[in-house]
Structures are given as C-alpha cells and as structure tokens.
Amino acid sequence: MAKTKISNADLVWVFTERLRSFNECAAPISIAIVPNKDSWTAIASRGDRIAHPRCAKRIEQVHKELREIYILAKD
C-alpha cells in the first residue's frame, strides 16, 4: 500500500491530535518529527518522557501506527 505524503507540520498536528485521544496524554507534550534516512521519527523531550511515562508508551504506539500511513513530503 502506498503511503500518503505529508508535511512535517501537518504530521506533528496529526500526531498531537491522536495523542489527545488518550487519557494518559492529557498534559501538553511537545512532539518533534525528525526525518531520517528511510522515513521519520517522532521524539518528545526527556523531561516529558520521564514526567509522563504512560504517555511515552502511547507516543511509541502512535509512532508505529502513523509510520505505516505517512511519509514525509520533501520540503
């Protein structure tokens, strides 16, 4: 299945909206999308991961889900 191309800013928005649907991620957590050789990676600050460990697990889950759907568009 072909992946949908999406801008970095739009992917951050999709990622953030998806996280808001989980109770574990009620607190605002900043997510950065970092392009890499093959695809992209979502990262949160170390402080956010330590302060909200259950949300960190959700970030990993959403990351896996969205990597199957989206590829970053070339800027």
PDB file of N, CA and C in Angstrom:
ATOM      1  N   MET A   1       0.836  -1.167   0.000  1.00  0.00           N
ATOM      2  CA  MET A   1       0.000   0.000   0.000  1.00  0.00           C
ATOM      3  C   MET A   1       0.889   1.241   0.000  1.00  0.00           C
ATOM      4  N   ALA A   2       0.559   2.207  -0.822  1.00  0.00           N
ATOM      5  CA  ALA A   2       1.328   3.445  -0.918  1.00  0.00           C
ATOM      6  C   ALA A   2       1.048   4.319   0.298  1.00  0.00           C
ATOM      7  N   LYS A   3       2.097   4.947   0.767  1.00  0.00           N
ATOM      8  CA  LYS A   3       1.957   5.841   1.910  1.00  0.00           C
ATOM      9  C   LYS A   3       1.588   7.237   1.429  1.00  0.00           C
ATOM     10  N   THR A   4       0.890   7.954   2.284  1.00  0.00           N
ATOM     11  CA  THR A   4       0.466   9.309   1.976  1.00  0.00           C
ATOM     12  C   THR A   4       1.575  10.285   2.325  1.00  0.00           C
ATOM     13  N   LYS A   5       1.902  11.180   1.399  1.00  0.00           N
ATOM     14  CA  LYS A   5       2.908  12.196   1.672  1.00  0.00           C
ATOM     15  C   LYS A   5       2.271  13.297   2.512  1.00  0.00           C
ATOM     16  N   ILE A   6       3.016  13.773   3.501  1.00  0.00           N
ATOM     17  CA  ILE A   6       2.512  14.786   4.418  1.00  0.00           C
ATOM     18  C   ILE A   6       3.662  15.684   4.839  1.00  0.00           C
ATOM     19  N   SER A   7       3.356  16.948   5.061  1.00  0.00           N
ATOM     20  CA  SER A   7       4.402  17.877   5.507  1.00  0.00           C
ATOM     21  C   SER A   7       4.720  17.611   6.974  1.00  0.00           C
ATOM     22  N   ASN A   8       5.885  18.059   7.387  1.00  0.00           N
ATOM     23  CA  ASN A   8       6.318  17.878   8.763  1.00  0.00           C
ATOM     24  C   ASN A   8       5.316  18.525   9.718  1.00  0.00           C
ATOM     25  N   ALA A   9       4.910  19.759   9.429  1.00  0.00           N
ATOM     26  CA  ALA A   9       3.981  20.478  10.305  1.00  0.00           C
ATOM     27  C   ALA A   9       2.636  19.760  10.407  1.00  0.00           C
ATOM     28  N   ASP A  10       2.136  19.256   9.289  1.00  0.00           N
ATOM     29  CA  ASP A  10       0.856  18.545   9.309  1.00  0.00           C
ATOM     30  C   ASP A  10       0.963  17.234  10.077  1.00  0.00           C
ATOM     31  N   LEU A  11       2.102  16.565   9.958  1.00  0.00           N
ATOM     32  CA  LEU A  11       2.301  15.311  10.680  1.00  0.00           C
ATOM     33  C   LEU A  11       2.358  15.559  12.179  1.00  0.00           C
ATOM     34  N   VAL A  12       2.998  16.635  12.595  1.00  0.00           N
ATOM     35  CA  VAL A  12       3.024  16.980  14.022  1.00  0.00           C
ATOM     36  C   VAL A  12       1.601  17.201  14.512  1.00  0.00           C
ATOM     37  N   TRP A  13       0.789  17.888  13.718  1.00  0.00           N
ATOM     38  CA  TRP A  13      -0.600  18.149  14.108  1.00  0.00           C
ATOM     39  C   TRP A  13      -1.375  16.838  14.231  1.00  0.00           C
ATOM     40  N   VAL A  14      -1.258  15.949  13.236  1.00  0.00           N
ATOM     41  CA  VAL A  14      -1.953  14.661  13.269  1.00  0.00           C
ATOM     42  C   VAL A  14      -1.507  13.870  14.495  1.00  0.00           C
ATOM     43  N   PHE A  15      -0.208  13.855  14.736  1.00  0.00           N
ATOM     44  CA  PHE A  15       0.346  13.109  15.866  1.00  0.00           C
ATOM     45  C   PHE A  15      -0.218  13.649  17.180  1.00  0.00           C
ATOM     46  N   THR A  16      -0.204  14.957  17.344  1.00  0.00           N
ATOM     47  CA  THR A  16      -0.685  15.588  18.568  1.00  0.00           C
ATOM     48  C   THR A  16      -2.173  15.323  18.780  1.00  0.00           C
ATOM     49  N   GLU A  17      -2.953  15.430  17.733  1.00  0.00           N
ATOM     50  CA  GLU A  17      -4.390  15.169  17.841  1.00  0.00           C
ATOM     51  C   GLU A  17      -4.654  13.718  18.226  1.00  0.00           C
ATOM     52  N   ARG A  18      -3.887  12.814  17.675  1.00  0.00           N
ATOM     53  CA  ARG A  18      -4.046  11.387  18.005  1.00  0.00           C
ATOM     54  C   ARG A  18      -3.722  11.152  19.481  1.00  0.00           C
ATOM     55  N   LEU A  19      -2.660  11.802  19.987  1.00  0.00           N
ATOM     56  CA  LEU A  19      -2.287  11.637  21.395  1.00  0.00           C
ATOM     57  C   LEU A  19      -3.365  12.172  22.335  1.00  0.00           C
ATOM     58  N   ARG A  20      -4.030  13.226  21.941  1.00  0.00           N
ATOM     59  CA  ARG A  20      -5.060  13.819  22.793  1.00  0.00           C
ATOM     60  C   ARG A  20      -6.232  12.879  23.035  1.00  0.00           C
ATOM     61  N   SER A  21      -6.385  11.884  22.202  1.00  0.00           N
ATOM     62  CA  SER A  21      -7.495  10.944  22.372  1.00  0.00           C
ATOM     63  C   SER A  21      -7.254   9.957  23.519  1.00  0.00           C
ATOM     64  N   PHE A  22      -6.047   9.944  24.069  1.00  0.00           N
ATOM     65  CA  PHE A  22      -5.706   9.041  25.167  1.00  0.00           C
ATOM     66  C   PHE A  22      -5.688   9.804  26.488  1.00  0.00           C
ATOM     67  N   ASN A  23      -6.249   9.224  27.528  1.00  0.00           N
ATOM     68  CA  ASN A  23      -6.243   9.852  28.852  1.00  0.00           C
ATOM     69  C   ASN A  23      -4.826  10.039  29.385  1.00  0.00           C
ATOM     70  N   GLU A  24      -3.917   9.144  29.038  1.00  0.00           N
ATOM     71  CA  GLU A  24      -2.543   9.209  29.523  1.00  0.00           C
ATOM     72  C   GLU A  24      -1.805  10.447  29.028  1.00  0.00           C
ATOM     73  N   CYS A  25      -2.300  11.046  27.971  1.00  0.00           N
ATOM     74  CA  CYS A  25      -1.612  12.177  27.348  1.00  0.00           C
ATOM     75  C   CYS A  25      -2.422  13.457  27.460  1.00  0.00           C
ATOM     76  N   ALA A  26      -3.068  13.643  28.604  1.00  0.00           N
ATOM     77  CA  ALA A  26      -3.875  14.842  28.801  1.00  0.00           C
ATOM     78  C   ALA A  26      -3.001  16.091  28.901  1.00  0.00           C
ATOM     79  N   ALA A  27      -1.822  15.959  29.481  1.00  0.00           N
ATOM     80  CA  ALA A  27      -0.908  17.104  29.604  1.00  0.00           C
ATOM     81  C   ALA A  27      -0.312  17.429  28.232  1.00  0.00           C
ATOM     82  N   PRO A  28      -0.082  18.693  27.980  1.00  0.00           N
ATOM     83  CA  PRO A  28       0.520  19.058  26.688  1.00  0.00           C
ATOM     84  C   PRO A  28       1.971  18.563  26.594  1.00  0.00           C
ATOM     85  N   ILE A  29       2.235  17.777  25.592  1.00  0.00           N
ATOM     86  CA  ILE A  29       3.582  17.247  25.353  1.00  0.00           C
ATOM     87  C   ILE A  29       3.999  17.652  23.951  1.00  0.00           C
ATOM     88  N   SER A  30       5.180  18.215  23.860  1.00  0.00           N
ATOM     89  CA  SER A  30       5.696  18.648  22.557  1.00  0.00           C
ATOM     90  C   SER A  30       6.304  17.459  21.828  1.00  0.00           C
ATOM     91  N   ILE A  31       5.929  17.333  20.585  1.00  0.00           N
ATOM     92  CA  ILE A  31       6.438  16.257  19.725  1.00  0.00           C
ATOM     93  C   ILE A  31       7.186  16.907  18.573  1.00  0.00           C
ATOM     94  N   ALA A  32       8.335  16.342  18.258  1.00  0.00           N
ATOM     95  CA  ALA A  32       9.092  16.782  17.085  1.00  0.00           C
ATOM     96  C   ALA A  32       9.181  15.612  16.117  1.00  0.00           C
ATOM     97  N   ILE A  33       9.015  15.907  14.852  1.00  0.00           N
ATOM     98  CA  ILE A  33       9.159  14.895  13.804  1.00  0.00           C
ATOM     99  C   ILE A  33      10.509  15.134  13.142  1.00  0.00           C
ATOM    100  N   VAL A  34      11.346  14.118  13.194  1.00  0.00           N
ATOM    101  CA  VAL A  34      12.692  14.230  12.658  1.00  0.00           C
ATOM    102  C   VAL A  34      12.831  13.287  11.472  1.00  0.00           C
ATOM    103  N   PRO A  35      13.130  13.826  10.290  1.00  0.00           N
ATOM    104  CA  PRO A  35      13.330  12.939   9.141  1.00  0.00           C
ATOM    105  C   PRO A  35      14.611  12.127   9.329  1.00  0.00           C
ATOM    106  N   ASN A  36      14.589  10.898   8.862  1.00  0.00           N
ATOM    107  CA  ASN A  36      15.797  10.083   8.854  1.00  0.00           C
ATOM    108  C   ASN A  36      15.948   9.448   7.482  1.00  0.00           C
ATOM    109  N   LYS A  37      16.931   8.620   7.331  1.00  0.00           N
ATOM    110  CA  LYS A  37      17.265   8.063   6.019  1.00  0.00           C
ATOM    111  C   LYS A  37      16.079   7.396   5.328  1.00  0.00           C
ATOM    112  N   ASP A  38      15.357   6.577   6.057  1.00  0.00           N
ATOM    113  CA  ASP A  38      14.280   5.795   5.460  1.00  0.00           C
ATOM    114  C   ASP A  38      12.896   6.399   5.628  1.00  0.00           C
ATOM    115  N   SER A  39      12.685   7.134   6.711  1.00  0.00           N
ATOM    116  CA  SER A  39      11.339   7.600   6.999  1.00  0.00           C
ATOM    117  C   SER A  39      11.404   8.811   7.911  1.00  0.00           C
ATOM    118  N   TRP A  40      10.841   8.679   9.107  1.00  0.00           N
ATOM    119  CA  TRP A  40      10.844   9.748  10.094  1.00  0.00           C
ATOM    120  C   TRP A  40      10.708   9.130  11.476  1.00  0.00           C
ATOM    121  N   THR A  41      11.053   9.941  12.484  1.00  0.00           N
ATOM    122  CA  THR A  41      10.951   9.511  13.863  1.00  0.00           C
ATOM    123  C   THR A  41      10.292  10.614  14.671  1.00  0.00           C
ATOM    124  N   ALA A  42       9.423  10.239  15.584  1.00  0.00           N
ATOM    125  CA  ALA A  42       8.787  11.198  16.486  1.00  0.00           C
ATOM    126  C   ALA A  42       9.531  11.159  17.814  1.00  0.00           C
ATOM    127  N   ILE A  43       9.862  12.337  18.320  1.00  0.00           N
ATOM    128  CA  ILE A  43      10.556  12.390  19.598  1.00  0.00           C
ATOM    129  C   ILE A  43       9.868  13.389  20.528  1.00  0.00           C
ATOM    130  N   ALA A  44       9.968  13.107  21.799  1.00  0.00           N
ATOM    131  CA  ALA A  44       9.493  14.013  22.848  1.00  0.00           C
ATOM    132  C   ALA A  44      10.693  14.304  23.743  1.00  0.00           C
ATOM    133  N   SER A  45      10.630  15.388  24.466  1.00  0.00           N
ATOM    134  CA  SER A  45      11.751  15.737  25.336  1.00  0.00           C
ATOM    135  C   SER A  45      11.920  14.696  26.439  1.00  0.00           C
ATOM    136  N   ARG A  46      13.128  14.600  26.940  1.00  0.00           N
ATOM    137  CA  ARG A  46      13.415  13.649  28.004  1.00  0.00           C
ATOM    138  C   ARG A  46      12.556  13.949  29.229  1.00  0.00           C
ATOM    139  N   GLY A  47      12.406  15.227  29.539  1.00  0.00           N
ATOM    140  CA  GLY A  47      11.590  15.618  30.689  1.00  0.00           C
ATOM    141  C   GLY A  47      10.144  15.168  30.553  1.00  0.00           C
ATOM    142  N   ASP A  48       9.578  15.313  29.350  1.00  0.00           N
ATOM    143  CA  ASP A  48       8.205  14.860  29.113  1.00  0.00           C
ATOM    144  C   ASP A  48       8.090  13.350  29.241  1.00  0.00           C
ATOM    145  N   ARG A  49       9.070  12.626  28.718  1.00  0.00           N
ATOM    146  CA  ARG A  49       9.028  11.160  28.801  1.00  0.00           C
ATOM    147  C   ARG A  49       9.120  10.679  30.243  1.00  0.00           C
ATOM    148  N   ILE A  50       9.936  11.363  31.051  1.00  0.00           N
ATOM    149  CA  ILE A  50      10.082  10.975  32.458  1.00  0.00           C
ATOM    150  C   ILE A  50       8.842  11.363  33.254  1.00  0.00           C
ATOM    151  N   ALA A  51       8.316  12.562  33.013  1.00  0.00           N
ATOM    152  CA  ALA A  51       7.158  13.040  33.755  1.00  0.00           C
ATOM    153  C   ALA A  51       5.874  12.286  33.401  1.00  0.00           C
ATOM    154  N   HIS A  52       5.792  11.777  32.180  1.00  0.00           N
ATOM    155  CA  HIS A  52       4.567  11.111  31.702  1.00  0.00           C
ATOM    156  C   HIS A  52       4.920   9.777  31.039  1.00  0.00           C
ATOM    157  N   PRO A  53       5.357   8.791  31.825  1.00  0.00           N
ATOM    158  CA  PRO A  53       5.811   7.515  31.228  1.00  0.00           C
ATOM    159  C   PRO A  53       4.717   6.760  30.469  1.00  0.00           C
ATOM    160  N   ARG A  54       3.469   6.855  30.928  1.00  0.00           N
ATOM    161  CA  ARG A  54       2.387   6.162  30.212  1.00  0.00           C
ATOM    162  C   ARG A  54       2.132   6.824  28.867  1.00  0.00           C
ATOM    163  N   CYS A  55       2.275   8.127  28.821  1.00  0.00           N
ATOM    164  CA  CYS A  55       2.120   8.836  27.553  1.00  0.00           C
ATOM    165  C   CYS A  55       3.278   8.489  26.616  1.00  0.00           C
ATOM    166  N   ALA A  56       4.462   8.284  27.173  1.00  0.00           N
ATOM    167  CA  ALA A  56       5.613   7.894  26.347  1.00  0.00           C
ATOM    168  C   ALA A  56       5.332   6.576  25.621  1.00  0.00           C
ATOM    169  N   LYS A  57       4.655   5.670  26.298  1.00  0.00           N
ATOM    170  CA  LYS A  57       4.261   4.404  25.649  1.00  0.00           C
ATOM    171  C   LYS A  57       3.265   4.656  24.521  1.00  0.00           C
ATOM    172  N   ARG A  58       2.344   5.570  24.744  1.00  0.00           N
ATOM    173  CA  ARG A  58       1.374   5.919  23.695  1.00  0.00           C
ATOM    174  C   ARG A  58       2.072   6.575  22.507  1.00  0.00           C
ATOM    175  N   ILE A  59       3.085   7.380  22.767  1.00  0.00           N
ATOM    176  CA  ILE A  59       3.841   8.007  21.683  1.00  0.00           C
ATOM    177  C   ILE A  59       4.454   6.933  20.801  1.00  0.00           C
ATOM    178  N   GLU A  60       5.033   5.913  21.417  1.00  0.00           N
ATOM    179  CA  GLU A  60       5.603   4.797  20.650  1.00  0.00           C
ATOM    180  C   GLU A  60       4.527   4.106  19.819  1.00  0.00           C
ATOM    181  N   GLN A  61       3.362   3.888  20.404  1.00  0.00           N
ATOM    182  CA  GLN A  61       2.263   3.226  19.707  1.00  0.00           C
ATOM    183  C   GLN A  61       1.798   4.052  18.507  1.00  0.00           C
ATOM    184  N   VAL A  62       1.558   5.339  18.722  1.00  0.00           N
ATOM    185  CA  VAL A  62       1.099   6.216  17.646  1.00  0.00           C
ATOM    186  C   VAL A  62       2.166   6.337  16.570  1.00  0.00           C
ATOM    187  N   HIS A  63       3.421   6.384  16.984  1.00  0.00           N
ATOM    188  CA  HIS A  63       4.534   6.449  16.032  1.00  0.00           C
ATOM    189  C   HIS A  63       4.487   5.261  15.071  1.00  0.00           C
ATOM    190  N   LYS A  64       4.332   4.075  15.611  1.00  0.00           N
ATOM    191  CA  LYS A  64       4.262   2.869  14.773  1.00  0.00           C
ATOM    192  C   LYS A  64       3.069   2.919  13.824  1.00  0.00           C
ATOM    193  N   GLU A  65       1.921   3.350  14.338  1.00  0.00           N
ATOM    194  CA  GLU A  65       0.712   3.418  13.513  1.00  0.00           C
ATOM    195  C   GLU A  65       0.879   4.408  12.355  1.00  0.00           C
ATOM    196  N   LEU A  66       1.367   5.600  12.677  1.00  0.00           N
ATOM    197  CA  LEU A  66       1.455   6.644  11.658  1.00  0.00           C
ATOM    198  C   LEU A  66       2.584   6.411  10.658  1.00  0.00           C
ATOM    199  N   ARG A  67       3.642   5.722  11.062  1.00  0.00           N
ATOM    200  CA  ARG A  67       4.712   5.403  10.104  1.00  0.00           C
ATOM    201  C   ARG A  67       4.226   4.469   9.011  1.00  0.00           C
ATOM    202  N   GLU A  68       3.203   3.684   9.308  1.00  0.00           N
ATOM    203  CA  GLU A  68       2.630   2.792   8.308  1.00  0.00           C
ATOM    204  C   GLU A  68       1.774   3.553   7.298  1.00  0.00           C
ATOM    205  N   ILE A  69       1.335   4.753   7.670  1.00  0.00           N
ATOM    206  CA  ILE A  69       0.413   5.520   6.842  1.00  0.00           C
ATOM    207  C   ILE A  69       1.105   6.664   6.100  1.00  0.00           C
ATOM    208  N   TYR A  70       2.024   7.367   6.787  1.00  0.00           N
ATOM    209  CA  TYR A  70       2.574   8.604   6.243  1.00  0.00           C
ATOM    210  C   TYR A  70       4.062   8.544   5.960  1.00  0.00           C
ATOM    211  N   ILE A  71       4.450   9.274   4.934  1.00  0.00           N
ATOM    212  CA  ILE A  71       5.845   9.520   4.603  1.00  0.00           C
ATOM    213  C   ILE A  71       6.003  11.031   4.469  1.00  0.00           C
ATOM    214  N   LEU A  72       7.127  11.547   4.918  1.00  0.00           N
ATOM    215  CA  LEU A  72       7.320  12.988   4.852  1.00  0.00           C
ATOM    216  C   LEU A  72       7.507  13.449   3.422  1.00  0.00           C
ATOM    217  N   ALA A  73       6.827  14.534   3.097  1.00  0.00           N
ATOM    218  CA  ALA A  73       6.991  15.154   1.782  1.00  0.00           C
ATOM    219  C   ALA A  73       8.299  15.940   1.777  1.00  0.00           C
ATOM    220  N   LYS A  74       8.937  16.004   0.669  1.00  0.00           N
ATOM    221  CA  LYS A  74      10.174  16.777   0.553  1.00  0.00           C
ATOM    222  C   LYS A  74       9.816  18.262   0.600  1.00  0.00           C
ATOM    223  N   ASP A  75      10.508  18.992   1.475  1.00  0.00           N
ATOM    224  CA  ASP A  75      10.234  20.428   1.599  1.00  0.00           C
ATOM    225  C   ASP A  75      10.953  21.246   0.542  1.00  0.00           C
TER     226      ASP A  75
END
